[in-house]
Amino acid sequence: MSLRNALFYTFSLLFCLIVQILFLRDLVLFNYAFCFLYIGAILVLPPEMDKMLYLLIAFLTGIVLDMFMNTLGLHASATVAVAYARSFVIDRQARLSGEELVTLSLRRVGFVVFTRVVFPLVLLHSAMLFLIEANSLNLILYTVIRIVASSVFTMTGILIWQSFVKQ
């Protein structure tokens, strides 16, 4: 990876993290949908990146967000789980399409492939966050509605963000 690409991904991750901390942590739609834009920046990191470095970046991003949102490791655990599962989803997509994903961005791979790769991981992230937060199955319908609504809201935010990215 070139220095230019490394700086692009670093600033992209920092931008999404700052937007998440300053603006999106207070943005809730109808007390159900939360937007977790930072997970999009984690998911679009280059697939050829070393897996241990990728997991470390995901963990540090989650921990920083946990410190600002006072969530005691919820975001760190969900982000690491998504980072771990990403390679399996990318491999599955490569088998389906018959070509290897070198870069995961909306402009490079298109809407359908991008959504096929990113949405299941966003759904996993939301499911982990809200199921751990609920800590029981007493309010399962409320939790499922929050998972689906937050996944759709997050995916919409990621698509809007990716439509402005030039790479």
Protein backbone atom coordinates (compact mmCIF):
# COMPACT_ATOMS: atom_id res chain seq x y z
CA MET A 1 0.00 0.00 0.00
CA SER A 2 1.34 3.41 -0.92
CA LEU A 3 1.75 6.29 1.49
CA ARG A 4 -1.05 8.15 -0.28
CA ASN A 5 -3.49 5.28 0.26
CA ALA A 6 -2.41 4.87 3.90
CA LEU A 7 -3.02 8.56 4.56
CA PHE A 8 -6.37 8.40 2.76
CA TYR A 9 -7.58 5.50 4.91
CA THR A 10 -6.21 7.09 8.09
CA PHE A 11 -7.95 10.41 7.48
CA SER A 12 -11.10 8.64 6.37
CA LEU A 13 -11.22 6.65 9.61
CA LEU A 14 -10.49 9.73 11.72
CA PHE A 15 -13.15 11.74 9.88
CA CYS A 16 -15.82 9.08 10.47
CA LEU A 17 -14.80 8.69 14.11
CA ILE A 18 -14.96 12.44 14.75
CA VAL A 19 -18.33 12.75 13.01
CA GLN A 20 -19.60 9.80 15.06
CA ILE A 21 -18.40 11.27 18.35
CA LEU A 22 -19.46 14.87 17.74
CA PHE A 23 -22.71 14.52 15.80
CA LEU A 24 -24.07 11.03 15.29
CA ARG A 25 -24.00 9.84 18.89
CA ASP A 26 -26.91 12.19 19.62
CA LEU A 27 -28.81 11.47 16.40
CA VAL A 28 -31.57 8.91 17.03
CA LEU A 29 -34.58 8.42 14.79
CA PHE A 30 -37.83 7.63 16.62
CA ASN A 31 -35.88 6.13 19.55
CA TYR A 32 -35.06 3.10 17.39
CA ALA A 33 -32.47 3.91 14.72
CA PHE A 34 -28.88 4.86 15.46
CA CYS A 35 -26.27 5.64 12.81
CA PHE A 36 -22.85 4.04 13.31
CA LEU A 37 -20.86 5.62 10.48
CA TYR A 38 -17.50 4.59 11.93
CA ILE A 39 -18.13 0.95 11.07
CA GLY A 40 -18.19 1.91 7.39
CA ALA A 41 -14.68 3.32 7.66
CA ILE A 42 -13.53 0.07 9.26
CA LEU A 43 -15.17 -2.04 6.56
CA VAL A 44 -13.67 -0.20 3.59
CA LEU A 45 -10.08 -0.64 4.72
CA PRO A 46 -8.07 -2.60 2.11
CA PRO A 47 -8.81 -6.35 2.09
CA GLU A 48 -5.11 -7.18 1.66
CA MET A 49 -4.27 -5.55 5.01
CA ASP A 50 -2.68 -7.80 7.64
CA LYS A 51 -5.48 -9.38 9.69
CA MET A 52 -3.86 -8.70 13.07
CA LEU A 53 -3.33 -5.03 12.21
CA TYR A 54 -6.92 -4.84 10.96
CA LEU A 55 -8.27 -6.34 14.20
CA LEU A 56 -6.10 -3.96 16.23
CA ILE A 57 -7.39 -0.94 14.31
CA ALA A 58 -10.97 -2.14 14.81
CA PHE A 59 -10.38 -2.66 18.53
CA LEU A 60 -8.77 0.75 19.03
CA THR A 61 -11.55 2.45 17.10
CA GLY A 62 -14.17 0.70 19.21
CA ILE A 63 -12.39 1.51 22.47
CA VAL A 64 -12.07 5.20 21.55
CA LEU A 65 -15.78 5.30 20.78
CA ASP A 66 -16.57 3.47 24.02
CA MET A 67 -14.64 6.07 25.99
CA PHE A 68 -16.65 8.91 24.50
CA MET A 69 -20.02 7.17 24.61
CA ASN A 70 -19.53 5.52 28.03
CA THR A 71 -20.53 2.07 26.78
CA LEU A 72 -17.89 -0.10 28.51
CA GLY A 73 -16.61 -2.13 25.57
CA LEU A 74 -19.80 -2.66 23.58
CA HIS A 75 -18.50 -0.93 20.48
CA ALA A 76 -15.08 -2.53 20.80
CA SER A 77 -16.51 -6.06 20.93
CA ALA A 78 -18.97 -5.47 18.09
CA THR A 79 -16.32 -3.83 15.91
CA VAL A 80 -13.80 -6.62 16.46
CA ALA A 81 -16.46 -9.23 15.64
CA VAL A 82 -17.28 -7.43 12.41
CA ALA A 83 -13.59 -7.10 11.54
CA TYR A 84 -13.15 -10.82 12.12
CA ALA A 85 -16.18 -11.76 9.99
CA ARG A 86 -15.29 -9.39 7.14
CA SER A 87 -12.75 -11.72 5.55
CA PHE A 88 -15.34 -14.51 5.35
CA VAL A 89 -17.89 -12.21 3.70
CA ILE A 90 -15.32 -10.90 1.22
CA ASP A 91 -14.22 -14.47 0.37
CA ARG A 92 -17.86 -15.48 -0.18
CA GLN A 93 -18.41 -12.50 -2.47
CA ALA A 94 -15.23 -13.31 -4.40
CA ARG A 95 -16.50 -16.86 -4.97
CA LEU A 96 -19.91 -15.60 -6.09
CA SER A 97 -18.60 -13.01 -8.51
CA GLY A 98 -15.51 -14.92 -9.65
CA GLU A 99 -13.20 -11.96 -9.15
CA GLU A 100 -11.14 -10.80 -6.20
CA LEU A 101 -12.00 -7.58 -4.36
CA VAL A 102 -8.91 -5.39 -4.31
CA THR A 103 -10.63 -2.25 -3.04
CA LEU A 104 -13.97 -2.06 -1.30
CA SER A 105 -15.57 1.23 -2.25
CA LEU A 106 -18.89 2.14 -3.77
CA ARG A 107 -17.35 3.64 -6.91
CA ARG A 108 -15.04 0.69 -7.60
CA VAL A 109 -17.31 -2.31 -7.00
CA GLY A 110 -20.77 -0.84 -7.60
CA PHE A 111 -23.89 -0.60 -5.48
CA VAL A 112 -24.94 -4.27 -5.54
CA VAL A 113 -21.57 -5.78 -4.62
CA PHE A 114 -20.89 -3.08 -2.03
CA THR A 115 -24.25 -3.68 -0.39
CA ARG A 116 -23.80 -7.47 -0.48
CA VAL A 117 -20.53 -7.15 1.38
CA VAL A 118 -21.25 -4.30 3.79
CA PHE A 119 -24.90 -4.78 4.83
CA PRO A 120 -24.52 -8.23 6.47
CA LEU A 121 -21.61 -6.88 8.48
CA VAL A 122 -23.55 -3.77 9.51
CA LEU A 123 -26.41 -6.05 10.54
CA LEU A 124 -24.00 -8.17 12.60
CA HIS A 125 -22.61 -5.03 14.24
CA SER A 126 -26.05 -3.74 15.19
CA ALA A 127 -27.17 -7.16 16.39
CA MET A 128 -24.15 -7.53 18.65
CA LEU A 129 -24.54 -4.04 20.07
CA PHE A 130 -28.22 -4.25 20.87
CA LEU A 131 -28.33 -7.88 22.00
CA ILE A 132 -25.46 -7.32 24.42
CA GLU A 133 -27.08 -4.10 25.59
CA ALA A 134 -30.47 -5.78 26.13
CA ASN A 135 -28.86 -8.65 28.08
CA SER A 136 -32.09 -10.66 27.94
CA LEU A 137 -34.78 -11.75 25.54
CA ASN A 138 -37.61 -10.05 27.41
CA LEU A 139 -37.83 -7.20 24.91
CA ILE A 140 -36.87 -9.17 21.82
CA LEU A 141 -39.31 -7.43 19.46
CA TYR A 142 -38.06 -3.99 20.53
CA THR A 143 -34.47 -5.19 20.14
CA VAL A 144 -35.08 -6.66 16.66
CA ILE A 145 -36.74 -3.44 15.52
CA ARG A 146 -33.73 -1.47 16.79
CA ILE A 147 -31.34 -3.85 15.02
CA VAL A 148 -33.09 -3.58 11.66
CA ALA A 149 -33.76 0.17 11.89
CA SER A 150 -30.18 0.94 12.94
CA SER A 151 -28.77 -1.28 10.21
CA VAL A 152 -30.79 0.48 7.53
CA PHE A 153 -29.92 3.91 8.95
CA THR A 154 -26.22 3.02 9.20
CA MET A 155 -26.16 1.59 5.68
CA THR A 156 -27.81 4.76 4.37
CA GLY A 157 -25.18 6.87 6.12
CA ILE A 158 -22.36 4.71 4.74
CA LEU A 159 -23.77 4.95 1.20
CA ILE A 160 -24.07 8.73 1.47
CA TRP A 161 -20.50 8.97 2.80
CA GLN A 162 -19.19 6.64 0.08
CA SER A 163 -20.91 8.67 -2.64
CA PHE A 164 -18.64 11.60 -1.74
CA VAL A 165 -15.41 9.58 -1.53
CA LYS A 166 -13.24 9.95 -4.62
CA GLN A 167 -11.32 6.69 -4.32
